[in-house]
N, C-alpha and C. Protein backbone atom coordinates (compact mmCIF):
# COMPACT_ATOMS: atom_id res chain seq x y z
N MET A 1 -7.25 -26.10 -15.28
CA MET A 1 -7.10 -24.45 -15.70
C MET A 1 -5.88 -24.22 -16.89
N ARG A 2 -6.20 -23.31 -17.53
CA ARG A 2 -5.06 -23.22 -18.76
C ARG A 2 -4.01 -22.55 -18.21
N TYR A 3 -2.74 -22.60 -18.58
CA TYR A 3 -1.47 -21.74 -17.91
C TYR A 3 -1.52 -20.77 -18.59
N GLY A 4 -1.67 -20.31 -19.97
CA GLY A 4 -1.69 -18.92 -20.37
C GLY A 4 -2.57 -18.05 -19.65
N LEU A 5 -3.86 -18.32 -19.32
CA LEU A 5 -5.14 -17.71 -18.72
C LEU A 5 -4.61 -17.33 -17.34
N VAL A 6 -3.71 -18.28 -16.44
CA VAL A 6 -3.42 -18.03 -15.16
C VAL A 6 -2.39 -17.00 -15.18
N VAL A 7 -1.39 -16.82 -15.92
CA VAL A 7 -0.32 -16.16 -16.39
C VAL A 7 -0.75 -14.87 -16.59
N LEU A 8 -1.42 -14.70 -17.43
CA LEU A 8 -1.90 -13.33 -17.96
C LEU A 8 -2.84 -12.71 -16.62
N THR A 9 -3.74 -13.24 -16.05
CA THR A 9 -4.43 -12.81 -15.16
C THR A 9 -3.49 -12.42 -14.04
N ALA A 10 -2.52 -13.36 -13.62
CA ALA A 10 -1.55 -12.88 -12.77
C ALA A 10 -0.88 -11.31 -13.07
N GLY A 11 -0.30 -11.34 -14.24
CA GLY A 11 0.31 -10.14 -15.05
C GLY A 11 -0.59 -8.83 -14.62
N PHE A 12 -1.91 -9.29 -14.95
CA PHE A 12 -3.04 -8.04 -14.99
C PHE A 12 -3.15 -7.49 -13.70
N THR A 13 -3.28 -8.80 -12.70
CA THR A 13 -3.43 -8.23 -11.07
C THR A 13 -2.39 -7.54 -11.06
N GLY A 14 -1.03 -7.86 -11.11
CA GLY A 14 0.14 -7.48 -10.63
C GLY A 14 0.29 -5.80 -11.01
N LEU A 15 -0.11 -5.65 -12.46
CA LEU A 15 -0.08 -4.29 -12.85
C LEU A 15 -1.02 -3.61 -12.15
N LEU A 16 -2.17 -3.98 -12.04
CA LEU A 16 -3.33 -3.27 -11.38
C LEU A 16 -2.96 -2.91 -9.85
N SER A 17 -2.22 -3.66 -9.17
CA SER A 17 -1.79 -3.73 -7.67
C SER A 17 -1.00 -2.49 -7.99
N PHE A 18 0.18 -2.58 -8.83
CA PHE A 18 1.19 -1.35 -8.90
C PHE A 18 0.15 0.14 -9.07
N CYS A 19 -0.56 0.32 -10.08
CA CYS A 19 -1.28 1.29 -10.26
C CYS A 19 -1.85 1.75 -9.00
N LEU A 20 -2.69 0.85 -8.41
CA LEU A 20 -3.42 1.50 -7.28
C LEU A 20 -2.65 1.78 -6.04
N LEU A 21 -1.27 1.41 -5.93
CA LEU A 21 -0.43 1.92 -5.09
C LEU A 21 0.08 3.10 -5.14
N SER A 22 0.36 3.29 -6.71
CA SER A 22 0.86 4.43 -7.11
C SER A 22 -0.24 5.75 -6.76
N VAL A 23 -1.25 5.39 -7.08
CA VAL A 23 -2.51 6.43 -6.68
C VAL A 23 -2.59 6.63 -5.27
N ALA A 24 -2.54 5.40 -4.55
CA ALA A 24 -2.48 5.59 -2.97
C ALA A 24 -1.30 6.64 -2.55
N ILE A 25 -0.16 6.64 -2.93
CA ILE A 25 1.04 7.13 -2.63
C ILE A 25 1.12 8.81 -3.06
N GLY A 26 0.28 9.03 -4.30
CA GLY A 26 0.35 10.23 -4.99
C GLY A 26 -0.84 10.96 -4.39
N THR A 27 -1.71 10.69 -3.70
CA THR A 27 -3.14 11.19 -3.49
C THR A 27 -3.03 11.61 -1.98
N ASP A 28 -4.00 12.40 -1.45
CA ASP A 28 -3.84 13.17 -0.22
C ASP A 28 -5.39 12.61 0.75
N TYR A 29 -5.67 11.66 0.38
CA TYR A 29 -7.00 11.29 1.28
C TYR A 29 -6.55 9.95 1.99
N TRP A 30 -5.84 10.04 2.70
CA TRP A 30 -5.30 8.96 3.52
C TRP A 30 -6.03 8.98 5.11
N TYR A 31 -6.24 10.34 5.46
CA TYR A 31 -6.65 10.53 6.73
C TYR A 31 -7.75 12.04 6.37
N ILE A 32 -8.99 11.90 6.90
CA ILE A 32 -9.71 13.13 6.70
C ILE A 32 -10.24 13.55 8.21
N ILE A 33 -10.47 14.76 8.41
CA ILE A 33 -10.99 15.60 9.45
C ILE A 33 -12.00 16.44 8.77
N ASN A 34 -13.32 16.35 9.53
CA ASN A 34 -14.27 17.16 9.23
C ASN A 34 -14.72 17.68 10.63
N VAL A 35 -14.90 19.06 10.49
CA VAL A 35 -15.40 19.65 11.68
C VAL A 35 -16.82 20.23 11.37
N ASN A 36 -17.84 19.62 12.08
CA ASN A 36 -19.02 20.09 12.08
C ASN A 36 -19.98 20.80 13.27
N LYS A 37 -19.15 21.80 13.16
CA LYS A 37 -19.66 23.04 14.56
C LYS A 37 -20.74 23.66 13.89
N PRO A 38 -22.07 23.41 14.84
CA PRO A 38 -23.04 24.13 14.54
C PRO A 38 -23.14 25.62 14.70
N ASN A 39 -23.98 26.51 13.93
CA ASN A 39 -24.00 28.00 14.04
C ASN A 39 -22.57 28.38 13.62
N SER A 40 -21.84 27.92 12.58
CA SER A 40 -20.53 28.18 12.47
C SER A 40 -20.25 28.11 10.92
N SER A 41 -20.21 29.39 9.91
CA SER A 41 -20.09 29.32 8.79
C SER A 41 -18.65 28.98 8.31
N ALA A 42 -17.61 28.98 9.34
CA ALA A 42 -16.23 28.68 9.03
C ALA A 42 -15.93 27.36 9.26
N SER A 43 -16.94 26.52 9.44
CA SER A 43 -16.51 25.09 9.79
C SER A 43 -15.53 24.64 8.66
N GLU A 44 -16.07 24.72 7.41
CA GLU A 44 -15.15 24.08 6.30
C GLU A 44 -13.80 24.51 6.47
N ASP A 45 -13.50 25.93 7.04
CA ASP A 45 -12.06 26.02 7.04
C ASP A 45 -11.15 25.37 7.85
N TYR A 46 -11.91 24.57 8.77
CA TYR A 46 -11.13 23.77 9.57
C TYR A 46 -10.75 22.15 9.11
N ASN A 47 -11.89 21.90 8.00
CA ASN A 47 -11.57 20.49 7.58
C ASN A 47 -10.26 20.43 7.01
N SER A 48 -9.84 19.25 6.86
CA SER A 48 -8.59 18.97 6.40
C SER A 48 -8.67 17.55 5.82
N HIS A 49 -7.71 17.17 5.06
CA HIS A 49 -7.12 15.97 4.52
C HIS A 49 -5.78 15.53 4.03
N SER A 50 -5.24 14.47 4.44
CA SER A 50 -3.67 14.39 4.33
C SER A 50 -3.48 13.12 3.93
N GLY A 51 -2.34 13.21 3.04
CA GLY A 51 -1.68 12.20 2.48
C GLY A 51 -0.44 11.84 3.25
N LEU A 52 0.67 11.18 2.36
CA LEU A 52 1.92 10.80 2.79
C LEU A 52 2.96 12.20 2.51
N TRP A 53 2.54 13.08 2.13
CA TRP A 53 3.41 13.95 1.54
C TRP A 53 2.75 15.56 2.05
N ARG A 54 1.57 15.59 1.98
CA ARG A 54 0.72 17.02 2.16
C ARG A 54 -0.25 17.00 3.33
N ILE A 55 -0.60 18.18 3.71
CA ILE A 55 -1.71 18.46 4.35
C ILE A 55 -2.56 19.46 4.11
N ASN A 56 -3.66 19.15 3.51
CA ASN A 56 -4.72 20.06 2.83
C ASN A 56 -5.78 20.68 3.79
N GLU A 57 -5.77 21.88 4.14
CA GLU A 57 -6.58 22.42 5.17
C GLU A 57 -7.55 23.68 4.71
N GLY A 58 -8.88 23.24 4.73
CA GLY A 58 -9.66 24.20 4.28
C GLY A 58 -9.95 24.50 2.65
N ALA A 59 -10.09 25.64 2.37
CA ALA A 59 -10.34 25.39 0.69
C ALA A 59 -9.13 25.47 -0.03
N ASN A 60 -8.00 26.28 0.33
CA ASN A 60 -6.86 26.14 -0.46
C ASN A 60 -5.52 26.12 0.24
N LYS A 61 -5.50 26.34 1.50
CA LYS A 61 -4.51 26.04 1.97
C LYS A 61 -3.86 24.67 2.06
N SER A 62 -2.59 24.52 1.68
CA SER A 62 -1.74 23.21 1.71
C SER A 62 -0.42 23.32 2.05
N SER A 63 0.33 22.19 2.83
CA SER A 63 1.18 22.53 3.46
C SER A 63 1.93 20.94 3.35
N VAL A 64 3.45 21.04 3.28
CA VAL A 64 4.18 19.81 3.01
C VAL A 64 4.60 19.32 4.28
N ILE A 65 4.38 17.95 4.38
CA ILE A 65 4.83 17.46 5.52
C ILE A 65 6.38 17.20 5.90
N PRO A 66 7.18 18.03 6.57
CA PRO A 66 8.30 17.89 6.51
C PRO A 66 9.07 16.73 7.44
N SER A 67 9.03 15.69 6.60
CA SER A 67 9.53 14.29 7.29
C SER A 67 11.07 14.34 7.74
N PHE A 68 11.69 14.73 6.92
CA PHE A 68 13.17 14.75 6.84
C PHE A 68 13.90 16.00 7.00
N MET A 69 13.15 17.32 6.95
CA MET A 69 13.78 18.27 7.05
C MET A 69 13.66 19.01 8.24
N ALA A 70 12.53 18.38 9.17
CA ALA A 70 12.14 18.98 10.24
C ALA A 70 13.37 19.46 11.44
N ASN A 71 12.95 20.42 12.07
CA ASN A 71 14.11 20.57 13.17
C ASN A 71 13.29 19.89 14.45
N THR A 72 13.81 18.63 14.96
CA THR A 72 13.56 18.19 16.04
C THR A 72 13.86 18.51 17.13
N SER A 73 14.71 19.46 17.44
CA SER A 73 15.20 20.00 18.85
C SER A 73 14.16 20.60 19.80
N GLY A 74 13.29 21.07 19.32
CA GLY A 74 12.15 21.61 20.18
C GLY A 74 11.01 20.92 20.04
N LEU A 75 11.14 19.49 19.67
CA LEU A 75 9.81 18.69 19.45
C LEU A 75 9.82 17.71 20.98
N SER A 76 8.63 17.72 21.42
CA SER A 76 8.74 16.48 22.53
C SER A 76 8.72 15.21 22.12
N ASP A 77 9.01 14.16 23.06
CA ASP A 77 9.27 12.63 22.80
C ASP A 77 8.06 12.13 21.96
N VAL A 78 6.85 12.38 21.95
CA VAL A 78 5.66 12.04 21.50
C VAL A 78 5.71 12.68 20.03
N GLU A 79 6.02 13.92 19.57
CA GLU A 79 6.25 14.38 18.47
C GLU A 79 7.42 13.73 17.62
N LYS A 80 8.55 13.33 18.36
CA LYS A 80 9.60 12.72 17.97
C LYS A 80 9.26 11.27 17.21
N ASP A 81 8.51 10.68 17.91
CA ASP A 81 7.84 9.38 17.79
C ASP A 81 6.99 9.31 16.65
N LEU A 82 6.42 10.17 16.43
CA LEU A 82 5.42 10.66 15.45
C LEU A 82 6.27 10.52 14.04
N LEU A 83 7.05 11.51 13.88
CA LEU A 83 7.81 11.58 12.81
C LEU A 83 8.95 10.77 12.48
N SER A 84 9.23 9.89 13.55
CA SER A 84 9.88 8.48 13.30
C SER A 84 8.86 7.66 12.28
N LEU A 85 7.64 7.57 12.85
CA LEU A 85 6.68 6.88 12.37
C LEU A 85 6.30 7.26 10.97
N HIS A 86 6.38 8.45 10.52
CA HIS A 86 5.98 9.10 9.49
C HIS A 86 6.97 8.82 8.57
N LYS A 87 8.46 8.91 8.78
CA LYS A 87 9.50 8.63 7.79
C LYS A 87 9.54 7.21 7.31
N MET A 88 9.04 6.33 8.40
CA MET A 88 9.33 5.01 8.17
C MET A 88 8.09 4.75 7.10
N VAL A 89 7.12 5.16 6.97
CA VAL A 89 5.90 4.94 6.01
C VAL A 89 6.36 5.43 4.90
N VAL A 90 6.82 6.69 4.75
CA VAL A 90 7.31 7.17 3.40
C VAL A 90 8.42 6.64 2.64
N ILE A 91 9.12 5.93 3.56
CA ILE A 91 10.39 5.05 2.99
C ILE A 91 9.98 3.83 2.39
N ILE A 92 8.91 3.17 3.41
CA ILE A 92 8.40 1.57 2.85
C ILE A 92 7.58 1.67 1.78
N LEU A 93 6.73 2.55 1.99
CA LEU A 93 5.67 2.36 0.68
C LEU A 93 6.16 2.64 -0.59
N PRO A 94 6.88 3.67 -0.77
CA PRO A 94 7.77 3.95 -2.25
C PRO A 94 8.66 2.90 -2.62
N LEU A 95 9.30 2.40 -1.50
CA LEU A 95 10.14 1.00 -1.58
C LEU A 95 9.25 -0.01 -2.46
N SER A 96 8.29 -0.30 -1.64
CA SER A 96 7.43 -1.47 -2.14
C SER A 96 6.78 -1.19 -3.49
N LEU A 97 6.48 -0.02 -4.01
CA LEU A 97 6.19 0.37 -5.20
C LEU A 97 7.38 0.11 -6.35
N ILE A 98 8.68 0.52 -5.75
CA ILE A 98 9.72 0.07 -6.88
C ILE A 98 9.97 -1.54 -6.83
N LEU A 99 9.72 -2.16 -5.72
CA LEU A 99 9.73 -3.67 -5.84
C LEU A 99 8.92 -4.39 -6.38
N LEU A 100 7.56 -3.81 -6.72
CA LEU A 100 6.55 -4.17 -7.26
C LEU A 100 7.01 -4.00 -9.19
N VAL A 101 7.99 -3.09 -9.31
CA VAL A 101 8.07 -3.00 -10.84
C VAL A 101 8.74 -4.09 -11.21
N PHE A 102 10.00 -4.66 -10.05
CA PHE A 102 11.01 -5.52 -10.65
C PHE A 102 10.10 -6.82 -10.66
N ALA A 103 9.08 -6.94 -9.59
CA ALA A 103 8.40 -8.05 -9.39
C ALA A 103 7.62 -8.63 -10.80
N TRP A 104 7.25 -7.32 -11.55
CA TRP A 104 6.34 -7.38 -12.55
C TRP A 104 7.12 -8.19 -13.90
N ILE A 105 8.32 -7.51 -13.75
CA ILE A 105 9.44 -7.77 -14.87
C ILE A 105 9.85 -9.55 -14.51
N VAL A 106 10.23 -9.89 -13.30
CA VAL A 106 10.52 -10.98 -13.15
C VAL A 106 9.51 -11.93 -13.38
N GLY A 107 8.34 -11.73 -12.89
CA GLY A 107 7.10 -12.70 -13.22
C GLY A 107 6.99 -12.88 -14.68
N LEU A 108 6.97 -11.89 -15.62
CA LEU A 108 6.93 -11.71 -16.88
C LEU A 108 7.84 -12.91 -17.88
N VAL A 109 9.35 -12.42 -17.25
CA VAL A 109 10.29 -13.44 -17.69
C VAL A 109 10.15 -14.92 -17.27
N SER A 110 9.76 -15.25 -16.28
CA SER A 110 9.51 -16.71 -15.76
C SER A 110 8.47 -16.99 -16.45
N SER A 111 7.36 -16.31 -16.74
CA SER A 111 6.10 -17.10 -17.31
C SER A 111 6.53 -17.21 -18.70
N LEU A 112 7.21 -16.50 -19.52
CA LEU A 112 7.85 -16.96 -20.71
C LEU A 112 8.47 -17.87 -20.84
N ALA A 113 9.32 -18.29 -19.76
CA ALA A 113 10.36 -19.39 -19.62
C ALA A 113 9.39 -20.62 -19.44
N CYS A 114 8.38 -20.43 -18.68
CA CYS A 114 7.63 -21.55 -18.58
C CYS A 114 8.31 -22.48 -17.45
N SER A 115 9.03 -22.14 -16.47
CA SER A 115 9.92 -22.79 -15.48
C SER A 115 9.39 -22.85 -14.22
N PRO A 116 8.83 -24.10 -13.72
CA PRO A 116 8.29 -24.17 -12.48
C PRO A 116 8.67 -23.11 -11.24
N LYS A 117 10.31 -23.73 -11.34
CA LYS A 117 11.34 -23.13 -10.30
C LYS A 117 11.22 -21.47 -10.12
N LEU A 118 11.21 -20.85 -11.61
CA LEU A 118 11.30 -19.59 -11.71
C LEU A 118 9.97 -18.82 -11.31
N LEU A 119 8.99 -19.62 -11.89
CA LEU A 119 7.49 -19.21 -11.34
C LEU A 119 7.37 -19.17 -10.00
N ALA A 120 7.74 -20.11 -9.09
CA ALA A 120 7.90 -20.22 -7.71
C ALA A 120 8.62 -19.27 -7.14
N GLY A 121 9.88 -18.82 -7.56
CA GLY A 121 10.64 -18.03 -7.30
C GLY A 121 10.00 -16.67 -7.48
N SER A 122 9.35 -16.24 -8.51
CA SER A 122 8.63 -14.92 -8.90
C SER A 122 7.47 -14.65 -7.90
N ALA A 123 6.64 -15.90 -7.50
CA ALA A 123 5.58 -15.74 -6.58
C ALA A 123 6.10 -15.45 -4.83
N ALA A 124 7.15 -16.12 -4.79
CA ALA A 124 7.72 -15.81 -3.78
C ALA A 124 8.22 -14.13 -3.74
N TYR A 125 8.84 -13.99 -4.69
CA TYR A 125 9.11 -12.61 -4.65
C TYR A 125 8.16 -11.59 -4.29
N ILE A 126 6.90 -11.82 -5.03
CA ILE A 126 5.76 -10.86 -4.93
C ILE A 126 5.43 -10.86 -3.69
N LEU A 127 5.14 -12.26 -2.98
CA LEU A 127 4.76 -12.12 -1.57
C LEU A 127 5.49 -11.71 -0.64
N PHE A 128 6.87 -11.36 -0.97
CA PHE A 128 7.88 -10.84 -0.15
C PHE A 128 7.63 -9.25 -0.10
N CYS A 129 7.23 -8.58 -1.28
CA CYS A 129 6.77 -7.31 -1.87
C CYS A 129 5.70 -6.93 -1.18
N SER A 130 4.92 -7.85 -0.87
CA SER A 130 3.58 -7.52 -0.19
C SER A 130 3.71 -7.31 1.18
N LEU A 131 4.68 -8.01 1.74
CA LEU A 131 4.86 -7.80 3.27
C LEU A 131 5.39 -6.26 3.23
N PHE A 132 6.06 -5.87 2.48
CA PHE A 132 6.44 -4.27 2.54
C PHE A 132 5.38 -3.27 2.61
N THR A 133 4.26 -3.60 1.83
CA THR A 133 3.12 -2.96 1.57
C THR A 133 2.58 -3.12 3.04
N LEU A 134 2.46 -4.38 3.53
CA LEU A 134 1.38 -4.38 4.70
C LEU A 134 2.10 -3.83 6.09
N SER A 135 3.41 -3.85 5.81
CA SER A 135 4.20 -3.12 6.90
C SER A 135 4.00 -1.57 7.14
N GLY A 136 4.07 -1.12 5.65
CA GLY A 136 3.92 0.39 5.62
C GLY A 136 2.34 0.84 5.92
N LEU A 137 1.46 0.03 5.75
CA LEU A 137 -0.06 0.27 6.16
C LEU A 137 -0.13 -0.04 7.80
N CYS A 138 0.30 -1.03 8.16
CA CYS A 138 0.41 -0.90 9.66
C CYS A 138 1.06 0.15 10.35
N ILE A 139 2.14 0.53 9.81
CA ILE A 139 2.73 1.51 10.45
C ILE A 139 1.99 2.84 10.50
N TYR A 140 1.46 3.25 9.21
CA TYR A 140 0.73 4.35 9.03
C TYR A 140 -0.50 4.52 10.12
N ILE A 141 -1.26 3.27 10.32
CA ILE A 141 -2.39 3.10 11.05
C ILE A 141 -2.00 3.43 12.67
N ARG A 142 -0.85 3.16 12.74
CA ARG A 142 -0.49 3.26 14.25
C ARG A 142 0.09 4.85 14.43
N TYR A 143 0.55 5.25 13.30
CA TYR A 143 1.13 6.84 13.22
C TYR A 143 -0.27 7.50 13.44
N SER A 144 -1.56 7.21 12.39
CA SER A 144 -2.53 8.08 12.74
C SER A 144 -3.39 8.00 13.96
N ASN A 145 -3.18 6.61 14.57
CA ASN A 145 -3.98 6.44 15.89
C ASN A 145 -3.27 7.17 17.05
N GLN A 146 -1.87 7.36 17.12
CA GLN A 146 -0.89 7.84 18.12
C GLN A 146 -0.96 9.26 17.88
N ALA A 147 -1.36 10.00 16.51
CA ALA A 147 -1.49 11.30 16.34
C ALA A 147 -2.86 11.70 16.95
N MET A 148 -3.82 11.16 16.47
CA MET A 148 -5.00 11.22 17.28
C MET A 148 -5.16 11.07 18.68
N GLU A 149 -4.35 10.46 19.35
CA GLU A 149 -4.44 10.21 20.75
C GLU A 149 -3.95 11.44 21.30
N GLU A 150 -2.87 12.02 20.63
CA GLU A 150 -2.16 13.49 21.09
C GLU A 150 -2.85 14.46 20.82
N PHE A 151 -3.76 14.54 19.62
CA PHE A 151 -4.75 15.65 19.45
C PHE A 151 -5.56 15.57 20.46
N GLN A 152 -6.45 14.34 20.67
CA GLN A 152 -7.33 14.25 21.90
C GLN A 152 -6.84 14.70 23.18
N ARG A 153 -5.58 14.67 23.35
CA ARG A 153 -4.98 15.14 24.78
C ARG A 153 -4.64 16.64 24.89
N VAL A 154 -4.65 17.45 23.88
CA VAL A 154 -4.30 18.92 23.68
C VAL A 154 -5.87 19.68 23.47
N VAL A 155 -6.38 18.94 23.00
CA VAL A 155 -8.00 19.68 22.57
C VAL A 155 -8.99 19.37 23.48
N PRO A 156 -9.63 20.45 23.98
CA PRO A 156 -10.83 20.25 25.02
C PRO A 156 -11.95 19.07 24.61
N PRO A 157 -12.18 18.28 25.39
CA PRO A 157 -13.26 17.52 25.15
C PRO A 157 -14.37 17.79 24.23
N GLU A 158 -15.11 19.09 24.74
CA GLU A 158 -16.36 19.62 24.07
C GLU A 158 -16.20 20.02 22.37
N THR A 159 -14.90 20.21 22.36
CA THR A 159 -14.35 20.64 20.72
C THR A 159 -14.52 19.41 20.23
N LEU A 160 -14.10 18.08 20.68
CA LEU A 160 -13.96 16.90 19.97
C LEU A 160 -15.23 16.32 19.50
N THR A 161 -16.37 16.78 20.27
CA THR A 161 -17.74 16.25 19.59
C THR A 161 -18.23 16.99 18.56
N TYR A 162 -17.60 17.85 17.59
CA TYR A 162 -17.99 18.61 16.40
C TYR A 162 -16.94 17.90 15.37
N VAL A 163 -15.88 17.14 15.72
CA VAL A 163 -14.73 16.63 14.99
C VAL A 163 -14.98 15.00 14.40
N ASP A 164 -14.95 14.96 13.39
CA ASP A 164 -15.33 13.55 12.76
C ASP A 164 -13.98 13.12 12.03
N VAL A 165 -13.30 12.04 12.47
CA VAL A 165 -12.23 11.63 11.74
C VAL A 165 -12.57 10.47 10.96
N SER A 166 -11.77 9.99 9.97
CA SER A 166 -11.80 8.92 9.20
C SER A 166 -10.86 8.64 8.38
N PHE A 167 -10.42 7.27 7.89
CA PHE A 167 -9.36 7.12 6.92
C PHE A 167 -10.34 7.18 5.31
N GLY A 168 -9.53 7.93 4.65
CA GLY A 168 -10.11 7.95 3.39
C GLY A 168 -9.69 6.83 2.18
N TRP A 169 -10.10 7.03 0.91
CA TRP A 169 -10.08 6.35 -0.11
C TRP A 169 -8.70 6.11 -0.48
N SER A 170 -7.55 6.78 -0.20
CA SER A 170 -6.37 6.40 -0.65
C SER A 170 -5.74 5.56 0.06
N LEU A 171 -5.92 5.55 1.41
CA LEU A 171 -5.62 4.04 2.13
C LEU A 171 -6.71 2.72 1.79
N ALA A 172 -7.74 3.32 1.39
CA ALA A 172 -8.44 2.11 0.66
C ALA A 172 -7.51 1.46 -0.21
N SER A 173 -7.52 2.22 -1.18
CA SER A 173 -6.42 1.94 -2.62
C SER A 173 -4.96 1.26 -2.39
N ALA A 174 -4.57 1.69 -1.32
CA ALA A 174 -3.55 0.86 -0.67
C ALA A 174 -3.82 -0.56 -0.03
N TRP A 175 -4.64 -0.73 0.58
CA TRP A 175 -5.04 -2.12 1.00
C TRP A 175 -5.54 -2.91 0.10
N LEU A 176 -6.22 -2.45 -1.16
CA LEU A 176 -6.48 -3.11 -2.14
C LEU A 176 -5.32 -3.55 -3.13
N SER A 177 -4.37 -2.80 -3.04
CA SER A 177 -3.09 -2.85 -3.79
C SER A 177 -2.54 -4.17 -3.01
N PHE A 178 -2.42 -4.19 -1.82
CA PHE A 178 -2.02 -5.13 -1.09
C PHE A 178 -2.71 -6.79 -1.21
N SER A 179 -3.59 -6.34 -1.47
CA SER A 179 -4.53 -7.85 -1.61
C SER A 179 -4.20 -8.45 -2.92
N LEU A 180 -4.23 -7.37 -4.09
CA LEU A 180 -3.69 -7.85 -5.34
C LEU A 180 -2.42 -8.49 -5.52
N GLU A 181 -1.47 -7.80 -4.90
CA GLU A 181 -0.42 -8.48 -4.75
C GLU A 181 -0.33 -10.08 -4.12
N ILE A 182 -1.08 -10.35 -3.24
CA ILE A 182 -1.32 -11.62 -2.79
C ILE A 182 -1.83 -12.42 -3.66
N VAL A 183 -2.84 -11.86 -4.37
CA VAL A 183 -3.59 -12.63 -5.37
C VAL A 183 -2.49 -12.92 -6.54
N ALA A 184 -1.94 -12.05 -6.83
CA ALA A 184 -0.87 -12.07 -8.12
C ALA A 184 0.11 -13.46 -7.75
N GLY A 185 0.63 -13.38 -6.49
CA GLY A 185 1.62 -14.21 -6.07
C GLY A 185 1.09 -15.56 -6.03
N LEU A 186 -0.22 -15.75 -5.41
CA LEU A 186 -0.89 -17.06 -5.83
C LEU A 186 -1.05 -17.59 -7.09
N LEU A 187 -1.44 -16.70 -8.11
CA LEU A 187 -1.85 -17.19 -9.37
C LEU A 187 -0.35 -17.44 -9.95
N LEU A 188 0.59 -16.83 -9.55
CA LEU A 188 2.01 -17.47 -10.19
C LEU A 188 2.25 -18.91 -9.56
N LEU A 189 2.03 -19.14 -8.14
CA LEU A 189 2.34 -20.34 -7.57
C LEU A 189 1.33 -21.34 -8.43
N LEU A 190 0.18 -21.22 -8.67
CA LEU A 190 -0.74 -21.83 -9.41
C LEU A 190 -0.13 -22.23 -11.00
N ALA A 191 0.33 -21.50 -11.38
CA ALA A 191 1.11 -21.46 -12.75
C ALA A 191 2.16 -22.35 -12.66
N ALA A 192 2.94 -22.10 -11.76
CA ALA A 192 4.20 -22.90 -11.53
C ALA A 192 3.67 -24.70 -11.40
N ARG A 193 2.62 -24.63 -10.64
CA ARG A 193 2.07 -26.21 -10.30
C ARG A 193 1.58 -26.60 -11.56
N ILE A 194 0.97 -25.75 -12.18
CA ILE A 194 0.45 -26.19 -13.73
C ILE A 194 1.54 -26.43 -14.78
N CYS A 195 2.78 -25.73 -14.87
CA CYS A 195 3.70 -26.00 -15.71
C CYS A 195 4.43 -27.13 -15.13
N GLN A 196 4.62 -27.50 -13.86
CA GLN A 196 5.13 -28.63 -13.17
C GLN A 196 4.25 -30.05 -13.73
N LEU A 197 3.02 -29.84 -13.68
CA LEU A 197 2.25 -31.17 -13.92
C LEU A 197 2.16 -31.20 -15.57
N LYS A 198 2.23 -30.25 -16.30
CA LYS A 198 2.53 -30.41 -17.71
C LYS A 198 3.80 -31.09 -18.26
N GLY A 199 4.68 -30.68 -17.19
CA GLY A 199 6.12 -31.17 -17.62
C GLY A 199 6.22 -32.78 -16.99
N HIS A 200 5.52 -33.18 -16.18
CA HIS A 200 5.27 -34.69 -15.96
C HIS A 200 4.48 -35.26 -17.00
N TYR A 201 3.43 -34.58 -17.43
CA TYR A 201 2.65 -35.17 -18.59
C TYR A 201 3.34 -35.53 -19.62
N ASP A 202 4.03 -34.34 -19.97
CA ASP A 202 4.67 -34.58 -21.42
C ASP A 202 5.82 -35.52 -21.24
N SER A 203 6.53 -35.79 -20.17
CA SER A 203 7.50 -36.79 -19.99
C SER A 203 7.06 -38.37 -19.97
N GLY A 204 5.88 -38.40 -19.43
CA GLY A 204 4.81 -39.56 -19.31
C GLY A 204 4.79 -39.99 -20.67
N VAL A 205 4.20 -38.92 -21.44
CA VAL A 205 3.81 -39.31 -22.90
C VAL A 205 4.98 -39.69 -23.94
N ALA A 206 5.95 -38.89 -23.60
CA ALA A 206 7.15 -39.05 -24.25
C ALA A 206 7.80 -40.65 -23.95
N ILE A 207 7.75 -41.07 -22.62
CA ILE A 207 8.14 -42.48 -22.39
C ILE A 207 7.15 -43.43 -23.12
N ALA A 208 5.88 -43.01 -23.08
CA ALA A 208 5.15 -44.39 -23.67
C ALA A 208 5.32 -44.47 -25.10
N ILE A 209 5.73 -43.19 -25.64
CA ILE A 209 5.87 -43.52 -27.12
C ILE A 209 6.99 -44.12 -27.46
N LEU A 210 8.17 -43.97 -26.67
CA LEU A 210 9.43 -44.87 -26.81
C LEU A 210 9.00 -46.51 -26.27
């Protein structure tokens, strides 16, 4: 396999991963709630979709999630726990996005230098970044499930029969970004191996000529 093709594919994969995570963080379709109450023309007013920063309810109502400015004095232990989980998510995922920028720069420099050690180090760094993304996604899923359990506890069971909840395409975009981070890291490892083998081959040719 050609070295240039591998590093170009790794660079494109890393860039696409960054774009997908940016879209995921900036959009509000992580969690979707649809209310399908029969014989009710106002069901759409209860529909909502939320992201990391905002909750959109009905047609025009939107509110910011007060992760860091909320007054926790009147909150229950469960609500405080949910708020803590949400704070962790909105810290870890943007941090992962920032780390991806440096990962792309380091990968570009190491690929131009054609250094096996630098390429392997860049691959390890990108795989390390993917752990941040994975941690943020797992915490968000835990946060969503815990929030749903609390919702089910306070809402009458007969009302829940009309409520349909699901994860949205923003979360799917973040998962795809995580997958591409893994692919980019593995491609850089492959590039490091190709570069190493090429170095051994060139050394062997030089020795044979001498």
